Amino acid sequence: MGIFRLQRGYYLYTGSALGRGALSLDGRVARHLRRSKRLKWHIDHLLSLDDVQVKAVVTAETEGHMECEINRYLKESMDAEIPIPGFGSSDCHEGCGSHLLFLRDREDPSYTVAQLYHEKTGRIPTCRKIR
């Protein structure tokens, strides 16, 4: 993807996990949170940087793929920007532009993100603070 300079602030990454075991929601989140791993996906490269800290993980179980729908809903509802075109969306067929979003001038957005997940999915999301 190249080299990008990211501004200090909050970023949202939207992904999906519909498999079992390591590919399950818990398995995928655990993998992303590990510091030591093979760098396979865009998010792996971002999370491997020393200056990057995961502050929270918001998840909601759904019946099917809602990653693009949720990503667009977060972008519109939170007036988020696309910091790196194509990031995390190489298999996106819905024109999201990126599954990494940047929030300018924000406090911790975890609660708002959880509320928006609930609005969009009808499910009670889990919001787990990290570090």
N, C-alpha and C. Protein backbone atom coordinates (compact mmCIF):
# COMPACT_ATOMS: atom_id res chain seq x y z
N MET A 1 0.82 -1.20 0.00
CA MET A 1 0.00 0.00 0.00
C MET A 1 0.86 1.26 0.00
N GLY A 2 2.11 1.11 0.37
CA GLY A 2 2.97 2.27 0.44
C GLY A 2 3.19 2.73 1.87
N ILE A 3 3.77 3.89 1.99
CA ILE A 3 4.06 4.47 3.31
C ILE A 3 3.13 5.66 3.51
N PHE A 4 2.51 5.71 4.67
CA PHE A 4 1.58 6.78 5.00
C PHE A 4 1.94 7.39 6.34
N ARG A 5 1.73 8.67 6.48
CA ARG A 5 1.89 9.35 7.76
C ARG A 5 0.48 9.55 8.31
N LEU A 6 0.24 8.95 9.46
CA LEU A 6 -1.09 9.06 10.07
C LEU A 6 -1.07 10.11 11.16
N GLN A 7 -2.15 10.85 11.24
CA GLN A 7 -2.29 11.86 12.29
C GLN A 7 -2.58 11.19 13.61
N ARG A 8 -2.20 11.83 14.69
CA ARG A 8 -2.51 11.35 16.02
C ARG A 8 -4.02 11.46 16.21
N GLY A 9 -4.62 10.44 16.79
CA GLY A 9 -6.05 10.48 17.02
C GLY A 9 -6.64 9.09 17.07
N TYR A 10 -7.94 9.03 16.96
CA TYR A 10 -8.66 7.75 17.02
C TYR A 10 -8.98 7.25 15.62
N TYR A 11 -8.75 5.95 15.46
CA TYR A 11 -9.03 5.27 14.20
C TYR A 11 -9.99 4.12 14.48
N LEU A 12 -10.87 3.87 13.55
CA LEU A 12 -11.81 2.75 13.66
C LEU A 12 -11.50 1.79 12.53
N TYR A 13 -11.41 0.51 12.86
CA TYR A 13 -11.23 -0.51 11.84
C TYR A 13 -12.42 -1.45 11.90
N THR A 14 -13.03 -1.70 10.76
CA THR A 14 -14.19 -2.59 10.71
C THR A 14 -13.81 -3.85 9.95
N GLY A 15 -14.05 -4.99 10.60
CA GLY A 15 -13.75 -6.27 9.97
C GLY A 15 -14.86 -7.26 10.27
N SER A 16 -14.70 -8.47 9.76
CA SER A 16 -15.68 -9.51 10.04
C SER A 16 -14.97 -10.81 10.37
N ALA A 17 -15.71 -11.69 11.01
CA ALA A 17 -15.17 -13.01 11.38
C ALA A 17 -16.36 -13.95 11.51
N LEU A 18 -16.55 -14.77 10.51
CA LEU A 18 -17.71 -15.66 10.50
C LEU A 18 -17.33 -17.13 10.58
N GLY A 19 -16.07 -17.41 10.85
CA GLY A 19 -15.62 -18.80 10.90
C GLY A 19 -15.67 -19.39 12.29
N ARG A 20 -14.93 -20.46 12.47
CA ARG A 20 -14.83 -21.15 13.76
C ARG A 20 -13.38 -21.14 14.22
N GLY A 21 -13.19 -21.38 15.50
CA GLY A 21 -11.83 -21.45 16.04
C GLY A 21 -11.09 -20.14 15.84
N ALA A 22 -9.92 -20.20 15.20
CA ALA A 22 -9.11 -19.01 14.98
C ALA A 22 -9.80 -17.99 14.09
N LEU A 23 -10.74 -18.46 13.28
CA LEU A 23 -11.46 -17.56 12.38
C LEU A 23 -12.75 -17.02 12.98
N SER A 24 -13.05 -17.42 14.21
CA SER A 24 -14.25 -16.92 14.90
C SER A 24 -14.02 -15.48 15.33
N LEU A 25 -15.06 -14.84 15.80
CA LEU A 25 -14.95 -13.47 16.27
C LEU A 25 -13.91 -13.35 17.38
N ASP A 26 -14.01 -14.19 18.40
CA ASP A 26 -13.03 -14.14 19.50
C ASP A 26 -11.63 -14.47 19.01
N GLY A 27 -11.52 -15.46 18.13
CA GLY A 27 -10.22 -15.85 17.59
C GLY A 27 -9.58 -14.74 16.78
N ARG A 28 -10.38 -14.09 15.95
CA ARG A 28 -9.86 -13.01 15.11
C ARG A 28 -9.42 -11.82 15.95
N VAL A 29 -10.24 -11.44 16.93
CA VAL A 29 -9.88 -10.31 17.80
C VAL A 29 -8.61 -10.64 18.59
N ALA A 30 -8.53 -11.84 19.14
CA ALA A 30 -7.33 -12.24 19.90
C ALA A 30 -6.09 -12.16 19.01
N ARG A 31 -6.20 -12.61 17.77
CA ARG A 31 -5.06 -12.55 16.85
C ARG A 31 -4.63 -11.11 16.61
N HIS A 32 -5.61 -10.24 16.35
CA HIS A 32 -5.27 -8.84 16.08
C HIS A 32 -4.62 -8.18 17.29
N LEU A 33 -4.99 -8.58 18.48
CA LEU A 33 -4.44 -7.95 19.69
C LEU A 33 -3.04 -8.47 20.05
N ARG A 34 -2.66 -9.63 19.51
CA ARG A 34 -1.32 -10.17 19.78
C ARG A 34 -0.27 -9.29 19.11
N ARG A 35 0.79 -9.01 19.82
CA ARG A 35 1.88 -8.20 19.25
C ARG A 35 2.73 -9.05 18.31
N SER A 36 2.90 -10.32 18.64
CA SER A 36 3.74 -11.20 17.84
C SER A 36 2.86 -12.08 16.94
N LYS A 37 2.97 -11.86 15.64
CA LYS A 37 2.19 -12.63 14.67
C LYS A 37 2.77 -12.40 13.28
N ARG A 38 2.43 -13.29 12.39
CA ARG A 38 2.80 -13.10 10.99
C ARG A 38 1.97 -11.94 10.44
N LEU A 39 2.60 -11.00 9.76
CA LEU A 39 1.90 -9.85 9.21
C LEU A 39 1.24 -10.25 7.90
N LYS A 40 -0.06 -10.47 7.95
CA LYS A 40 -0.82 -10.98 6.81
C LYS A 40 -1.77 -9.94 6.23
N TRP A 41 -2.50 -9.25 7.08
CA TRP A 41 -3.50 -8.29 6.64
C TRP A 41 -3.04 -6.86 6.91
N HIS A 42 -3.69 -5.91 6.25
CA HIS A 42 -3.34 -4.50 6.46
C HIS A 42 -3.33 -4.14 7.94
N ILE A 43 -4.36 -4.58 8.66
CA ILE A 43 -4.47 -4.22 10.08
C ILE A 43 -3.31 -4.79 10.89
N ASP A 44 -2.75 -5.93 10.48
CA ASP A 44 -1.58 -6.50 11.17
C ASP A 44 -0.40 -5.54 11.10
N HIS A 45 -0.20 -4.95 9.93
CA HIS A 45 0.92 -4.02 9.76
C HIS A 45 0.73 -2.77 10.62
N LEU A 46 -0.48 -2.26 10.65
CA LEU A 46 -0.76 -1.07 11.46
C LEU A 46 -0.57 -1.37 12.95
N LEU A 47 -1.13 -2.48 13.41
CA LEU A 47 -1.07 -2.80 14.84
C LEU A 47 0.32 -3.23 15.29
N SER A 48 1.22 -3.52 14.37
CA SER A 48 2.58 -3.91 14.75
C SER A 48 3.46 -2.70 15.05
N LEU A 49 2.99 -1.50 14.74
CA LEU A 49 3.78 -0.29 14.97
C LEU A 49 3.82 0.06 16.46
N ASP A 50 4.99 0.50 16.93
CA ASP A 50 5.18 0.81 18.35
C ASP A 50 4.26 1.92 18.85
N ASP A 51 3.97 2.90 18.00
CA ASP A 51 3.16 4.05 18.42
C ASP A 51 1.66 3.80 18.41
N VAL A 52 1.24 2.62 17.95
CA VAL A 52 -0.19 2.31 17.84
C VAL A 52 -0.64 1.55 19.08
N GLN A 53 -1.74 2.02 19.66
CA GLN A 53 -2.34 1.35 20.82
C GLN A 53 -3.81 1.09 20.54
N VAL A 54 -4.24 -0.12 20.81
CA VAL A 54 -5.66 -0.44 20.72
C VAL A 54 -6.28 -0.01 22.04
N LYS A 55 -7.26 0.85 21.98
CA LYS A 55 -7.92 1.37 23.19
C LYS A 55 -9.16 0.58 23.55
N ALA A 56 -9.87 0.07 22.53
CA ALA A 56 -11.10 -0.68 22.78
C ALA A 56 -11.43 -1.53 21.56
N VAL A 57 -12.18 -2.58 21.82
CA VAL A 57 -12.71 -3.42 20.75
C VAL A 57 -14.21 -3.50 20.94
N VAL A 58 -14.95 -3.12 19.90
CA VAL A 58 -16.41 -3.19 19.93
C VAL A 58 -16.82 -4.27 18.95
N THR A 59 -17.59 -5.24 19.43
CA THR A 59 -18.02 -6.33 18.56
C THR A 59 -19.52 -6.58 18.72
N ALA A 60 -20.09 -7.11 17.66
CA ALA A 60 -21.49 -7.52 17.70
C ALA A 60 -21.63 -8.74 16.80
N GLU A 61 -22.28 -9.77 17.30
CA GLU A 61 -22.52 -10.95 16.49
C GLU A 61 -23.73 -10.70 15.61
N THR A 62 -23.57 -11.03 14.32
CA THR A 62 -24.67 -10.86 13.36
C THR A 62 -24.85 -12.17 12.60
N GLU A 63 -25.92 -12.24 11.89
CA GLU A 63 -26.23 -13.46 11.13
C GLU A 63 -25.39 -13.59 9.86
N GLY A 64 -24.92 -12.49 9.34
CA GLY A 64 -24.16 -12.54 8.08
C GLY A 64 -23.21 -11.37 7.99
N HIS A 65 -22.65 -11.18 6.82
CA HIS A 65 -21.68 -10.10 6.58
C HIS A 65 -22.35 -8.74 6.69
N MET A 66 -21.91 -7.96 7.65
CA MET A 66 -22.41 -6.58 7.81
C MET A 66 -21.26 -5.58 7.87
N GLU A 67 -20.06 -6.06 7.62
CA GLU A 67 -18.86 -5.24 7.77
C GLU A 67 -18.94 -3.95 6.96
N CYS A 68 -19.31 -4.03 5.71
CA CYS A 68 -19.39 -2.83 4.87
C CYS A 68 -20.51 -1.90 5.32
N GLU A 69 -21.64 -2.48 5.63
CA GLU A 69 -22.79 -1.70 6.09
C GLU A 69 -22.46 -0.93 7.37
N ILE A 70 -21.82 -1.60 8.31
CA ILE A 70 -21.44 -0.96 9.58
C ILE A 70 -20.36 0.08 9.33
N ASN A 71 -19.39 -0.24 8.49
CA ASN A 71 -18.33 0.71 8.18
C ASN A 71 -18.90 2.01 7.61
N ARG A 72 -19.80 1.89 6.65
CA ARG A 72 -20.41 3.08 6.05
C ARG A 72 -21.25 3.84 7.07
N TYR A 73 -21.96 3.11 7.93
CA TYR A 73 -22.79 3.75 8.95
C TYR A 73 -21.93 4.53 9.95
N LEU A 74 -20.82 3.96 10.36
CA LEU A 74 -19.90 4.66 11.26
C LEU A 74 -19.32 5.89 10.58
N LYS A 75 -18.92 5.75 9.32
CA LYS A 75 -18.33 6.87 8.58
C LYS A 75 -19.31 8.03 8.50
N GLU A 76 -20.54 7.74 8.11
CA GLU A 76 -21.55 8.80 7.98
C GLU A 76 -21.96 9.39 9.33
N SER A 77 -22.22 8.52 10.29
CA SER A 77 -22.73 8.97 11.59
C SER A 77 -21.70 9.74 12.40
N MET A 78 -20.42 9.41 12.22
CA MET A 78 -19.38 10.04 13.03
C MET A 78 -18.55 11.04 12.24
N ASP A 79 -18.97 11.32 11.00
CA ASP A 79 -18.25 12.25 10.13
C ASP A 79 -16.77 11.87 10.06
N ALA A 80 -16.53 10.57 9.86
CA ALA A 80 -15.16 10.05 9.82
C ALA A 80 -14.54 10.26 8.44
N GLU A 81 -13.22 10.24 8.40
CA GLU A 81 -12.48 10.42 7.16
C GLU A 81 -11.77 9.11 6.80
N ILE A 82 -11.43 8.97 5.54
CA ILE A 82 -10.65 7.82 5.07
C ILE A 82 -9.18 8.24 5.06
N PRO A 83 -8.36 7.67 5.95
CA PRO A 83 -6.96 8.07 6.01
C PRO A 83 -6.08 7.36 4.97
N ILE A 84 -6.45 6.11 4.62
CA ILE A 84 -5.68 5.33 3.65
C ILE A 84 -6.68 4.63 2.73
N PRO A 85 -6.82 5.11 1.51
CA PRO A 85 -7.75 4.46 0.58
C PRO A 85 -7.40 2.99 0.37
N GLY A 86 -8.42 2.14 0.43
CA GLY A 86 -8.25 0.71 0.20
C GLY A 86 -7.82 -0.10 1.40
N PHE A 87 -7.56 0.54 2.53
CA PHE A 87 -7.06 -0.16 3.72
C PHE A 87 -8.11 -1.14 4.23
N GLY A 88 -7.73 -2.40 4.34
CA GLY A 88 -8.61 -3.41 4.93
C GLY A 88 -9.83 -3.71 4.10
N SER A 89 -9.84 -3.26 2.85
CA SER A 89 -11.04 -3.44 2.04
C SER A 89 -10.72 -4.03 0.67
N SER A 90 -9.66 -4.81 0.60
CA SER A 90 -9.27 -5.39 -0.69
C SER A 90 -10.33 -6.34 -1.23
N ASP A 91 -11.14 -6.93 -0.34
CA ASP A 91 -12.21 -7.83 -0.79
C ASP A 91 -13.59 -7.17 -0.71
N CYS A 92 -13.63 -5.87 -0.53
CA CYS A 92 -14.88 -5.13 -0.43
C CYS A 92 -15.48 -4.94 -1.81
N HIS A 93 -16.74 -5.31 -1.94
CA HIS A 93 -17.45 -5.16 -3.21
C HIS A 93 -18.56 -4.11 -3.12
N GLU A 94 -18.55 -3.34 -2.03
CA GLU A 94 -19.61 -2.37 -1.82
C GLU A 94 -19.12 -0.93 -1.86
N GLY A 95 -17.89 -0.73 -2.31
CA GLY A 95 -17.38 0.62 -2.52
C GLY A 95 -17.13 1.43 -1.27
N CYS A 96 -16.70 0.79 -0.20
CA CYS A 96 -16.46 1.52 1.06
C CYS A 96 -15.31 2.52 0.95
N GLY A 97 -14.34 2.24 0.12
CA GLY A 97 -13.19 3.14 0.02
C GLY A 97 -12.08 2.75 0.97
N SER A 98 -12.44 2.32 2.17
CA SER A 98 -11.48 1.88 3.19
C SER A 98 -12.28 1.33 4.37
N HIS A 99 -11.71 0.38 5.07
CA HIS A 99 -12.34 -0.10 6.30
C HIS A 99 -11.59 0.42 7.52
N LEU A 100 -10.74 1.41 7.28
CA LEU A 100 -10.07 2.15 8.35
C LEU A 100 -10.58 3.58 8.27
N LEU A 101 -11.08 4.07 9.38
CA LEU A 101 -11.63 5.42 9.43
C LEU A 101 -10.89 6.23 10.48
N PHE A 102 -10.80 7.52 10.24
CA PHE A 102 -10.14 8.45 11.16
C PHE A 102 -11.15 9.43 11.71
N LEU A 103 -11.09 9.65 13.02
CA LEU A 103 -11.98 10.62 13.67
C LEU A 103 -11.17 11.83 14.08
N ARG A 104 -11.48 12.94 13.53
CA ARG A 104 -10.77 14.19 13.84
C ARG A 104 -11.40 14.82 15.08
N ASP A 105 -10.56 15.36 15.95
CA ASP A 105 -11.03 16.10 17.13
C ASP A 105 -12.07 15.34 17.95
N ARG A 106 -11.69 14.21 18.48
CA ARG A 106 -12.63 13.37 19.24
C ARG A 106 -12.04 12.97 20.58
N GLU A 107 -12.93 12.73 21.50
CA GLU A 107 -12.59 12.04 22.74
C GLU A 107 -12.75 10.56 22.44
N ASP A 108 -12.55 9.71 23.43
CA ASP A 108 -12.69 8.27 23.25
C ASP A 108 -14.06 7.97 22.63
N PRO A 109 -14.08 7.39 21.44
CA PRO A 109 -15.35 7.17 20.73
C PRO A 109 -16.01 5.82 21.04
N SER A 110 -15.47 5.03 21.96
CA SER A 110 -15.95 3.66 22.18
C SER A 110 -17.45 3.58 22.45
N TYR A 111 -17.94 4.42 23.33
CA TYR A 111 -19.35 4.38 23.70
C TYR A 111 -20.24 4.71 22.49
N THR A 112 -19.86 5.73 21.74
CA THR A 112 -20.62 6.11 20.55
C THR A 112 -20.62 5.00 19.52
N VAL A 113 -19.46 4.38 19.31
CA VAL A 113 -19.36 3.27 18.36
C VAL A 113 -20.28 2.13 18.79
N ALA A 114 -20.27 1.80 20.08
CA ALA A 114 -21.13 0.73 20.58
C ALA A 114 -22.60 1.07 20.35
N GLN A 115 -22.99 2.32 20.59
CA GLN A 115 -24.37 2.75 20.34
C GLN A 115 -24.74 2.59 18.87
N LEU A 116 -23.85 2.96 17.99
CA LEU A 116 -24.11 2.87 16.56
C LEU A 116 -24.19 1.42 16.09
N TYR A 117 -23.36 0.56 16.66
CA TYR A 117 -23.45 -0.88 16.36
C TYR A 117 -24.83 -1.39 16.74
N HIS A 118 -25.30 -0.99 17.91
CA HIS A 118 -26.63 -1.43 18.37
C HIS A 118 -27.72 -0.93 17.42
N GLU A 119 -27.65 0.33 17.05
CA GLU A 119 -28.63 0.90 16.12
C GLU A 119 -28.66 0.13 14.80
N LYS A 120 -27.49 -0.18 14.28
CA LYS A 120 -27.40 -0.78 12.95
C LYS A 120 -27.71 -2.27 12.95
N THR A 121 -27.28 -2.99 13.99
CA THR A 121 -27.43 -4.45 14.00
C THR A 121 -28.64 -4.92 14.78
N GLY A 122 -29.12 -4.09 15.70
CA GLY A 122 -30.20 -4.54 16.59
C GLY A 122 -29.68 -5.45 17.69
N ARG A 123 -28.39 -5.64 17.74
CA ARG A 123 -27.75 -6.51 18.74
C ARG A 123 -27.07 -5.65 19.80
N ILE A 124 -26.96 -6.22 21.00
CA ILE A 124 -26.22 -5.54 22.06
C ILE A 124 -24.73 -5.83 21.83
N PRO A 125 -23.94 -4.81 21.53
CA PRO A 125 -22.53 -5.05 21.27
C PRO A 125 -21.73 -5.22 22.56
N THR A 126 -20.57 -5.78 22.42
CA THR A 126 -19.62 -5.88 23.52
C THR A 126 -18.57 -4.79 23.29
N CYS A 127 -18.29 -4.01 24.31
CA CYS A 127 -17.25 -2.99 24.23
C CYS A 127 -16.21 -3.32 25.29
N ARG A 128 -15.05 -3.76 24.82
CA ARG A 128 -13.99 -4.17 25.74
C ARG A 128 -12.84 -3.17 25.67
N LYS A 129 -12.60 -2.48 26.79
CA LYS A 129 -11.49 -1.55 26.86
C LYS A 129 -10.19 -2.32 26.96
N ILE A 130 -9.15 -1.82 26.28
CA ILE A 130 -7.84 -2.46 26.26
C ILE A 130 -6.82 -1.48 26.82
N ARG A 131 -5.92 -1.95 27.62
CA ARG A 131 -4.80 -1.16 28.19
C ARG A 131 -5.29 0.00 28.98
